[in-house]
Amino acid sequence: MESRVSNLEAKFDEFKKSHDLILLQLQSLMAKCHDSISNSRQPFIKMASHISVLKSDEIVLKLQSFHNEKIQAREKVDEFLSQYRPKYKPNL
């Protein structure tokens, strides 16, 4: 009977060691997965290639210049049309 108990204790110790080893491996795997997830959530600019960053800068500059050209065109139209508008003169 004692040999049976010691045999069960040995099996239980072996099971506990393998259980602890599996638990450590799972924790290590979870840590690796967590690191890769946090790295994949970096801002887009950090993940983008140098070429795509340059292209996006180029697009932003074109949009800004288009906006400036639009403002200048409106000013020219206002200046042209102002000669046909009656000038406001307050009655004194």
PDB file of N, CA and C in Angstrom:
ATOM      1  N   MET A   1       0.824  -1.194   0.000  1.00  0.00           N
ATOM      2  CA  MET A   1       0.000   0.000   0.000  1.00  0.00           C
ATOM      3  C   MET A   1       0.869   1.259   0.000  1.00  0.00           C
ATOM      4  N   GLU A   2       1.963   1.208   0.768  1.00  0.00           N
ATOM      5  CA  GLU A   2       2.854   2.371   0.810  1.00  0.00           C
ATOM      6  C   GLU A   2       3.489   2.624  -0.548  1.00  0.00           C
ATOM      7  N   SER A   3       3.820   1.572  -1.232  1.00  0.00           N
ATOM      8  CA  SER A   3       4.417   1.740  -2.560  1.00  0.00           C
ATOM      9  C   SER A   3       3.413   2.375  -3.525  1.00  0.00           C
ATOM     10  N   ARG A   4       2.157   2.024  -3.323  1.00  0.00           N
ATOM     11  CA  ARG A   4       1.111   2.618  -4.164  1.00  0.00           C
ATOM     12  C   ARG A   4       0.981   4.108  -3.883  1.00  0.00           C
ATOM     13  N   VAL A   5       1.022   4.475  -2.599  1.00  0.00           N
ATOM     14  CA  VAL A   5       0.919   5.889  -2.217  1.00  0.00           C
ATOM     15  C   VAL A   5       2.132   6.658  -2.722  1.00  0.00           C
ATOM     16  N   SER A   6       3.308   6.099  -2.549  1.00  0.00           N
ATOM     17  CA  SER A   6       4.510   6.790  -3.027  1.00  0.00           C
ATOM     18  C   SER A   6       4.511   6.885  -4.554  1.00  0.00           C
ATOM     19  N   ASN A   7       3.974   5.868  -5.211  1.00  0.00           N
ATOM     20  CA  ASN A   7       3.855   5.889  -6.664  1.00  0.00           C
ATOM     21  C   ASN A   7       2.889   6.997  -7.094  1.00  0.00           C
ATOM     22  N   LEU A   8       1.773   7.133  -6.374  1.00  0.00           N
ATOM     23  CA  LEU A   8       0.822   8.212  -6.673  1.00  0.00           C
ATOM     24  C   LEU A   8       1.439   9.577  -6.402  1.00  0.00           C
ATOM     25  N   GLU A   9       2.192   9.680  -5.315  1.00  0.00           N
ATOM     26  CA  GLU A   9       2.861  10.948  -5.006  1.00  0.00           C
ATOM     27  C   GLU A   9       3.877  11.301  -6.083  1.00  0.00           C
ATOM     28  N   ALA A  10       4.610  10.317  -6.560  1.00  0.00           N
ATOM     29  CA  ALA A  10       5.588  10.552  -7.625  1.00  0.00           C
ATOM     30  C   ALA A  10       4.885  11.006  -8.900  1.00  0.00           C
ATOM     31  N   LYS A  11       3.776  10.351  -9.232  1.00  0.00           N
ATOM     32  CA  LYS A  11       3.020  10.756 -10.425  1.00  0.00           C
ATOM     33  C   LYS A  11       2.450  12.162 -10.256  1.00  0.00           C
ATOM     34  N   PHE A  12       1.978  12.452  -9.026  1.00  0.00           N
ATOM     35  CA  PHE A  12       1.428  13.786  -8.772  1.00  0.00           C
ATOM     36  C   PHE A  12       2.521  14.845  -8.884  1.00  0.00           C
ATOM     37  N   ASP A  13       3.713  14.561  -8.331  1.00  0.00           N
ATOM     38  CA  ASP A  13       4.834  15.504  -8.441  1.00  0.00           C
ATOM     39  C   ASP A  13       5.231  15.715  -9.900  1.00  0.00           C
ATOM     40  N   GLU A  14       5.258  14.624 -10.659  1.00  0.00           N
ATOM     41  CA  GLU A  14       5.587  14.724 -12.083  1.00  0.00           C
ATOM     42  C   GLU A  14       4.537  15.553 -12.820  1.00  0.00           C
ATOM     43  N   PHE A  15       3.266  15.305 -12.499  1.00  0.00           N
ATOM     44  CA  PHE A  15       2.180  16.072 -13.106  1.00  0.00           C
ATOM     45  C   PHE A  15       2.306  17.547 -12.744  1.00  0.00           C
ATOM     46  N   LYS A  16       2.605  17.832 -11.462  1.00  0.00           N
ATOM     47  CA  LYS A  16       2.714  19.222 -11.016  1.00  0.00           C
ATOM     48  C   LYS A  16       3.870  19.926 -11.719  1.00  0.00           C
ATOM     49  N   LYS A  17       5.001  19.237 -11.880  1.00  0.00           N
ATOM     50  CA  LYS A  17       6.150  19.831 -12.574  1.00  0.00           C
ATOM     51  C   LYS A  17       5.803  20.119 -14.033  1.00  0.00           C
ATOM     52  N   SER A  18       5.170  19.154 -14.690  1.00  0.00           N
ATOM     53  CA  SER A  18       4.809  19.375 -16.095  1.00  0.00           C
ATOM     54  C   SER A  18       3.747  20.473 -16.205  1.00  0.00           C
ATOM     55  N   HIS A  19       2.837  20.520 -15.235  1.00  0.00           N
ATOM     56  CA  HIS A  19       1.816  21.571 -15.213  1.00  0.00           C
ATOM     57  C   HIS A  19       2.470  22.939 -15.051  1.00  0.00           C
ATOM     58  N   ASP A  20       3.437  23.048 -14.131  1.00  0.00           N
ATOM     59  CA  ASP A  20       4.142  24.315 -13.926  1.00  0.00           C
ATOM     60  C   ASP A  20       4.927  24.713 -15.168  1.00  0.00           C
ATOM     61  N   LEU A  21       5.543  23.733 -15.824  1.00  0.00           N
ATOM     62  CA  LEU A  21       6.298  24.011 -17.042  1.00  0.00           C
ATOM     63  C   LEU A  21       5.371  24.510 -18.152  1.00  0.00           C
ATOM     64  N   ILE A  22       4.233  23.855 -18.307  1.00  0.00           N
ATOM     65  CA  ILE A  22       3.254  24.286 -19.319  1.00  0.00           C
ATOM     66  C   ILE A  22       2.751  25.690 -19.000  1.00  0.00           C
ATOM     67  N   LEU A  23       2.507  25.965 -17.733  1.00  0.00           N
ATOM     68  CA  LEU A  23       2.041  27.286 -17.327  1.00  0.00           C
ATOM     69  C   LEU A  23       3.081  28.357 -17.644  1.00  0.00           C
ATOM     70  N   LEU A  24       4.356  28.069 -17.371  1.00  0.00           N
ATOM     71  CA  LEU A  24       5.421  29.021 -17.705  1.00  0.00           C
ATOM     72  C   LEU A  24       5.505  29.253 -19.211  1.00  0.00           C
ATOM     73  N   GLN A  25       5.372  28.181 -19.997  1.00  0.00           N
ATOM     74  CA  GLN A  25       5.414  28.323 -21.450  1.00  0.00           C
ATOM     75  C   GLN A  25       4.243  29.164 -21.957  1.00  0.00           C
ATOM     76  N   LEU A  26       3.075  28.954 -21.385  1.00  0.00           N
ATOM     77  CA  LEU A  26       1.908  29.752 -21.778  1.00  0.00           C
ATOM     78  C   LEU A  26       2.095  31.220 -21.417  1.00  0.00           C
ATOM     79  N   GLN A  27       2.640  31.468 -20.229  1.00  0.00           N
ATOM     80  CA  GLN A  27       2.883  32.854 -19.827  1.00  0.00           C
ATOM     81  C   GLN A  27       3.892  33.516 -20.751  1.00  0.00           C
ATOM     82  N   SER A  28       4.927  32.783 -21.127  1.00  0.00           N
ATOM     83  CA  SER A  28       5.925  33.308 -22.055  1.00  0.00           C
ATOM     84  C   SER A  28       5.300  33.600 -23.415  1.00  0.00           C
ATOM     85  N   LEU A  29       4.476  32.681 -23.884  1.00  0.00           N
ATOM     86  CA  LEU A  29       3.798  32.867 -25.168  1.00  0.00           C
ATOM     87  C   LEU A  29       2.861  34.067 -25.133  1.00  0.00           C
ATOM     88  N   MET A  30       2.133  34.218 -24.033  1.00  0.00           N
ATOM     89  CA  MET A  30       1.230  35.369 -23.892  1.00  0.00           C
ATOM     90  C   MET A  30       2.013  36.674 -23.888  1.00  0.00           C
ATOM     91  N   ALA A  31       3.169  36.683 -23.221  1.00  0.00           N
ATOM     92  CA  ALA A  31       3.993  37.892 -23.193  1.00  0.00           C
ATOM     93  C   ALA A  31       4.478  38.234 -24.596  1.00  0.00           C
ATOM     94  N   LYS A  32       4.897  37.215 -25.367  1.00  0.00           N
ATOM     95  CA  LYS A  32       5.340  37.459 -26.741  1.00  0.00           C
ATOM     96  C   LYS A  32       4.194  37.983 -27.598  1.00  0.00           C
ATOM     97  N   CYS A  33       3.024  37.388 -27.453  1.00  0.00           N
ATOM     98  CA  CYS A  33       1.858  37.836 -28.220  1.00  0.00           C
ATOM     99  C   CYS A  33       1.484  39.258 -27.843  1.00  0.00           C
ATOM    100  N   HIS A  34       1.548  39.570 -26.573  1.00  0.00           N
ATOM    101  CA  HIS A  34       1.199  40.917 -26.119  1.00  0.00           C
ATOM    102  C   HIS A  34       2.168  41.939 -26.697  1.00  0.00           C
ATOM    103  N   ASP A  35       3.465  41.601 -26.748  1.00  0.00           N
ATOM    104  CA  ASP A  35       4.450  42.505 -27.330  1.00  0.00           C
ATOM    105  C   ASP A  35       4.182  42.720 -28.808  1.00  0.00           C
ATOM    106  N   SER A  36       3.854  41.654 -29.530  1.00  0.00           N
ATOM    107  CA  SER A  36       3.608  41.808 -30.963  1.00  0.00           C
ATOM    108  C   SER A  36       2.323  42.579 -31.221  1.00  0.00           C
ATOM    109  N   ILE A  37       1.324  42.431 -30.355  1.00  0.00           N
ATOM    110  CA  ILE A  37       0.086  43.191 -30.517  1.00  0.00           C
ATOM    111  C   ILE A  37       0.345  44.666 -30.274  1.00  0.00           C
ATOM    112  N   SER A  38       1.096  44.991 -29.240  1.00  0.00           N
ATOM    113  CA  SER A  38       1.358  46.402 -28.956  1.00  0.00           C
ATOM    114  C   SER A  38       2.210  47.018 -30.052  1.00  0.00           C
ATOM    115  N   ASN A  39       3.113  46.233 -30.671  1.00  0.00           N
ATOM    116  CA  ASN A  39       3.913  46.755 -31.769  1.00  0.00           C
ATOM    117  C   ASN A  39       3.070  46.974 -33.018  1.00  0.00           C
ATOM    118  N   SER A  40       2.040  46.155 -33.224  1.00  0.00           N
ATOM    119  CA  SER A  40       1.217  46.301 -34.419  1.00  0.00           C
ATOM    120  C   SER A  40       0.244  47.464 -34.298  1.00  0.00           C
ATOM    121  N   ARG A  41       0.086  48.004 -33.112  1.00  0.00           N
ATOM    122  CA  ARG A  41      -0.827  49.132 -32.925  1.00  0.00           C
ATOM    123  C   ARG A  41      -0.100  50.464 -32.950  1.00  0.00           C
ATOM    124  N   GLN A  42       1.072  50.505 -33.552  1.00  0.00           N
ATOM    125  CA  GLN A  42       1.806  51.758 -33.668  1.00  0.00           C
ATOM    126  C   GLN A  42       1.059  52.673 -34.623  1.00  0.00           C
ATOM    127  N   PRO A  43       1.297  53.972 -34.499  1.00  0.00           N
ATOM    128  CA  PRO A  43       0.654  54.897 -35.441  1.00  0.00           C
ATOM    129  C   PRO A  43       1.027  54.563 -36.880  1.00  0.00           C
ATOM    130  N   PHE A  44       0.147  54.944 -37.789  1.00  0.00           N
ATOM    131  CA  PHE A  44       0.323  54.588 -39.200  1.00  0.00           C
ATOM    132  C   PHE A  44       1.628  55.131 -39.755  1.00  0.00           C
ATOM    133  N   ILE A  45       1.985  56.347 -39.384  1.00  0.00           N
ATOM    134  CA  ILE A  45       3.185  56.968 -39.944  1.00  0.00           C
ATOM    135  C   ILE A  45       4.423  56.158 -39.588  1.00  0.00           C
ATOM    136  N   LYS A  46       4.484  55.603 -38.395  1.00  0.00           N
ATOM    137  CA  LYS A  46       5.648  54.812 -38.013  1.00  0.00           C
ATOM    138  C   LYS A  46       5.708  53.514 -38.805  1.00  0.00           C
ATOM    139  N   MET A  47       4.563  52.988 -39.187  1.00  0.00           N
ATOM    140  CA  MET A  47       4.529  51.730 -39.923  1.00  0.00           C
ATOM    141  C   MET A  47       4.686  51.954 -41.424  1.00  0.00           C
ATOM    142  N   ALA A  48       4.406  53.152 -41.896  1.00  0.00           N
ATOM    143  CA  ALA A  48       4.406  53.411 -43.328  1.00  0.00           C
ATOM    144  C   ALA A  48       5.835  53.437 -43.864  1.00  0.00           C
ATOM    145  N   SER A  49       5.954  53.100 -45.117  1.00  0.00           N
ATOM    146  CA  SER A  49       7.273  53.146 -45.735  1.00  0.00           C
ATOM    147  C   SER A  49       7.646  54.597 -46.006  1.00  0.00           C
ATOM    148  N   HIS A  50       8.915  54.815 -46.274  1.00  0.00           N
ATOM    149  CA  HIS A  50       9.412  56.171 -46.529  1.00  0.00           C
ATOM    150  C   HIS A  50       8.749  56.762 -47.772  1.00  0.00           C
ATOM    151  N   ILE A  51       8.516  55.928 -48.772  1.00  0.00           N
ATOM    152  CA  ILE A  51       7.898  56.401 -50.014  1.00  0.00           C
ATOM    153  C   ILE A  51       6.471  56.870 -49.760  1.00  0.00           C
ATOM    154  N   SER A  52       5.702  56.113 -48.996  1.00  0.00           N
ATOM    155  CA  SER A  52       4.317  56.514 -48.759  1.00  0.00           C
ATOM    156  C   SER A  52       4.250  57.776 -47.908  1.00  0.00           C
ATOM    157  N   VAL A  53       5.220  57.971 -47.006  1.00  0.00           N
ATOM    158  CA  VAL A  53       5.261  59.207 -46.219  1.00  0.00           C
ATOM    159  C   VAL A  53       5.548  60.385 -47.136  1.00  0.00           C
ATOM    160  N   LEU A  54       6.490  60.213 -48.068  1.00  0.00           N
ATOM    161  CA  LEU A  54       6.792  61.289 -49.015  1.00  0.00           C
ATOM    162  C   LEU A  54       5.588  61.594 -49.898  1.00  0.00           C
ATOM    163  N   LYS A  55       4.886  60.556 -50.346  1.00  0.00           N
ATOM    164  CA  LYS A  55       3.694  60.762 -51.175  1.00  0.00           C
ATOM    165  C   LYS A  55       2.620  61.504 -50.396  1.00  0.00           C
ATOM    166  N   SER A  56       2.419  61.140 -49.141  1.00  0.00           N
ATOM    167  CA  SER A  56       1.393  61.815 -48.353  1.00  0.00           C
ATOM    168  C   SER A  56       1.775  63.271 -48.121  1.00  0.00           C
ATOM    169  N   ASP A  57       3.070  63.548 -47.907  1.00  0.00           N
ATOM    170  CA  ASP A  57       3.512  64.936 -47.764  1.00  0.00           C
ATOM    171  C   ASP A  57       3.262  65.714 -49.055  1.00  0.00           C
ATOM    172  N   GLU A  58       3.530  65.061 -50.183  1.00  0.00           N
ATOM    173  CA  GLU A  58       3.312  65.696 -51.483  1.00  0.00           C
ATOM    174  C   GLU A  58       1.829  66.023 -51.685  1.00  0.00           C
ATOM    175  N   ILE A  59       0.969  65.117 -51.306  1.00  0.00           N
ATOM    176  CA  ILE A  59      -0.475  65.341 -51.440  1.00  0.00           C
ATOM    177  C   ILE A  59      -0.923  66.488 -50.548  1.00  0.00           C
ATOM    178  N   VAL A  60      -0.411  66.536 -49.322  1.00  0.00           N
ATOM    179  CA  VAL A  60      -0.767  67.622 -48.404  1.00  0.00           C
ATOM    180  C   VAL A  60      -0.329  68.961 -48.979  1.00  0.00           C
ATOM    181  N   LEU A  61       0.883  69.021 -49.530  1.00  0.00           N
ATOM    182  CA  LEU A  61       1.364  70.274 -50.121  1.00  0.00           C
ATOM    183  C   LEU A  61       0.506  70.692 -51.316  1.00  0.00           C
ATOM    184  N   LYS A  62       0.094  69.729 -52.140  1.00  0.00           N
ATOM    185  CA  LYS A  62      -0.769  70.057 -53.280  1.00  0.00           C
ATOM    186  C   LYS A  62      -2.117  70.594 -52.811  1.00  0.00           C
ATOM    187  N   LEU A  63      -2.675  69.977 -51.781  1.00  0.00           N
ATOM    188  CA  LEU A  63      -3.958  70.452 -51.258  1.00  0.00           C
ATOM    189  C   LEU A  63      -3.828  71.855 -50.672  1.00  0.00           C
ATOM    190  N   GLN A  64      -2.719  72.109 -49.980  1.00  0.00           N
ATOM    191  CA  GLN A  64      -2.517  73.441 -49.414  1.00  0.00           C
ATOM    192  C   GLN A  64      -2.355  74.478 -50.518  1.00  0.00           C
ATOM    193  N   SER A  65      -1.598  74.143 -51.564  1.00  0.00           N
ATOM    194  CA  SER A  65      -1.412  75.099 -52.654  1.00  0.00           C
ATOM    195  C   SER A  65      -2.728  75.318 -53.394  1.00  0.00           C
ATOM    196  N   PHE A  66      -3.528  74.270 -53.557  1.00  0.00           N
ATOM    197  CA  PHE A  66      -4.835  74.426 -54.191  1.00  0.00           C
ATOM    198  C   PHE A  66      -5.709  75.361 -53.369  1.00  0.00           C
ATOM    199  N   HIS A  67      -5.664  75.207 -52.045  1.00  0.00           N
ATOM    200  CA  HIS A  67      -6.451  76.074 -51.162  1.00  0.00           C
ATOM    201  C   HIS A  67      -5.988  77.525 -51.306  1.00  0.00           C
ATOM    202  N   ASN A  68      -4.677  77.742 -51.351  1.00  0.00           N
ATOM    203  CA  ASN A  68      -4.154  79.105 -51.509  1.00  0.00           C
ATOM    204  C   ASN A  68      -4.541  79.686 -52.866  1.00  0.00           C
ATOM    205  N   GLU A  69      -4.474  78.882 -53.919  1.00  0.00           N
ATOM    206  CA  GLU A  69      -4.878  79.351 -55.249  1.00  0.00           C
ATOM    207  C   GLU A  69      -6.360  79.708 -55.270  1.00  0.00           C
ATOM    208  N   LYS A  70      -7.169  78.929 -54.584  1.00  0.00           N
ATOM    209  CA  LYS A  70      -8.605  79.205 -54.527  1.00  0.00           C
ATOM    210  C   LYS A  70      -8.864  80.535 -53.818  1.00  0.00           C
ATOM    211  N   ILE A  71      -8.143  80.795 -52.739  1.00  0.00           N
ATOM    212  CA  ILE A  71      -8.303  82.063 -52.015  1.00  0.00           C
ATOM    213  C   ILE A  71      -7.880  83.231 -52.901  1.00  0.00           C
ATOM    214  N   GLN A  72      -6.752  83.083 -53.611  1.00  0.00           N
ATOM    215  CA  GLN A  72      -6.285  84.154 -54.497  1.00  0.00           C
ATOM    216  C   GLN A  72      -7.279  84.397 -55.632  1.00  0.00           C
ATOM    217  N   ALA A  73      -7.864  83.340 -56.169  1.00  0.00           N
ATOM    218  CA  ALA A  73      -8.849  83.494 -57.241  1.00  0.00           C
ATOM    219  C   ALA A  73     -10.083  84.228 -56.726  1.00  0.00           C
ATOM    220  N   ARG A  74     -10.534  83.911 -55.522  1.00  0.00           N
ATOM    221  CA  ARG A  74     -11.682  84.625 -54.953  1.00  0.00           C
ATOM    222  C   ARG A  74     -11.369  86.105 -54.756  1.00  0.00           C
ATOM    223  N   GLU A  75     -10.154  86.387 -54.280  1.00  0.00           N
ATOM    224  CA  GLU A  75      -9.773  87.790 -54.085  1.00  0.00           C
ATOM    225  C   GLU A  75      -9.758  88.542 -55.412  1.00  0.00           C
ATOM    226  N   LYS A  76      -9.259  87.898 -56.479  1.00  0.00           N
ATOM    227  CA  LYS A  76      -9.242  88.536 -57.796  1.00  0.00           C
ATOM    228  C   LYS A  76     -10.657  88.779 -58.305  1.00  0.00           C
ATOM    229  N   VAL A  77     -11.546  87.799 -58.095  1.00  0.00           N
ATOM    230  CA  VAL A  77     -12.938  87.958 -58.516  1.00  0.00           C
ATOM    231  C   VAL A  77     -13.586  89.094 -57.737  1.00  0.00           C
ATOM    232  N   ASP A  78     -13.363  89.133 -56.428  1.00  0.00           N
ATOM    233  CA  ASP A  78     -13.927  90.218 -55.616  1.00  0.00           C
ATOM    234  C   ASP A  78     -13.395  91.574 -56.058  1.00  0.00           C
ATOM    235  N   GLU A  79     -12.099  91.618 -56.365  1.00  0.00           N
ATOM    236  CA  GLU A  79     -11.504  92.881 -56.819  1.00  0.00           C
ATOM    237  C   GLU A  79     -12.106  93.309 -58.156  1.00  0.00           C
ATOM    238  N   PHE A  80     -12.292  92.340 -59.063  1.00  0.00           N
ATOM    239  CA  PHE A  80     -12.867  92.660 -60.361  1.00  0.00           C
ATOM    240  C   PHE A  80     -14.315  93.121 -60.227  1.00  0.00           C
ATOM    241  N   LEU A  81     -15.099  92.407 -59.400  1.00  0.00           N
ATOM    242  CA  LEU A  81     -16.510  92.754 -59.264  1.00  0.00           C
ATOM    243  C   LEU A  81     -16.728  94.008 -58.426  1.00  0.00           C
ATOM    244  N   SER A  82     -15.756  94.377 -57.640  1.00  0.00           N
ATOM    245  CA  SER A  82     -15.941  95.554 -56.787  1.00  0.00           C
ATOM    246  C   SER A  82     -16.071  96.836 -57.604  1.00  0.00           C
ATOM    247  N   GLN A  83     -15.518  96.856 -58.804  1.00  0.00           N
ATOM    248  CA  GLN A  83     -15.641  98.065 -59.628  1.00  0.00           C
ATOM    249  C   GLN A  83     -17.069  98.255 -60.133  1.00  0.00           C
ATOM    250  N   TYR A  84     -17.865  97.188 -60.144  1.00  0.00           N
ATOM    251  CA  TYR A  84     -19.247  97.291 -60.590  1.00  0.00           C
ATOM    252  C   TYR A  84     -20.240  97.438 -59.446  1.00  0.00           C
ATOM    253  N   ARG A  85     -19.793  97.236 -58.243  1.00  0.00           N
ATOM    254  CA  ARG A  85     -20.682  97.390 -57.095  1.00  0.00           C
ATOM    255  C   ARG A  85     -20.707  98.850 -56.680  1.00  0.00           C
ATOM    256  N   PRO A  86     -21.872  99.297 -56.260  1.00  0.00           N
ATOM    257  CA  PRO A  86     -21.907 100.691 -55.781  1.00  0.00           C
ATOM    258  C   PRO A  86     -21.142 100.802 -54.467  1.00  0.00           C
ATOM    259  N   LYS A  87     -20.381 101.850 -54.372  1.00  0.00           N
ATOM    260  CA  LYS A  87     -19.626 102.066 -53.148  1.00  0.00           C
ATOM    261  C   LYS A  87     -20.557 102.610 -52.084  1.00  0.00           C
ATOM    262  N   TYR A  88     -20.382 102.142 -50.880  1.00  0.00           N
ATOM    263  CA  TYR A  88     -21.224 102.580 -49.769  1.00  0.00           C
ATOM    264  C   TYR A  88     -20.714 103.921 -49.274  1.00  0.00           C
ATOM    265  N   LYS A  89     -21.623 104.890 -49.292  1.00  0.00           N
ATOM    266  CA  LYS A  89     -21.283 106.201 -48.749  1.00  0.00           C
ATOM    267  C   LYS A  89     -22.322 106.536 -47.699  1.00  0.00           C
ATOM    268  N   PRO A  90     -21.899 106.680 -46.482  1.00  0.00           N
ATOM    269  CA  PRO A  90     -22.877 107.004 -45.435  1.00  0.00           C
ATOM    270  C   PRO A  90     -23.448 108.407 -45.638  1.00  0.00           C
ATOM    271  N   ASN A  91     -24.722 108.547 -45.366  1.00  0.00           N
ATOM    272  CA  ASN A  91     -25.371 109.858 -45.456  1.00  0.00           C
ATOM    273  C   ASN A  91     -25.071 110.629 -44.181  1.00  0.00           C
ATOM    274  N   LEU A  92     -24.499 111.793 -44.334  1.00  0.00           N
ATOM    275  CA  LEU A  92     -24.199 112.625 -43.171  1.00  0.00           C
ATOM    276  C   LEU A  92     -25.085 113.813 -43.101  1.00  0.00           C
TER     277      LEU A  92
END
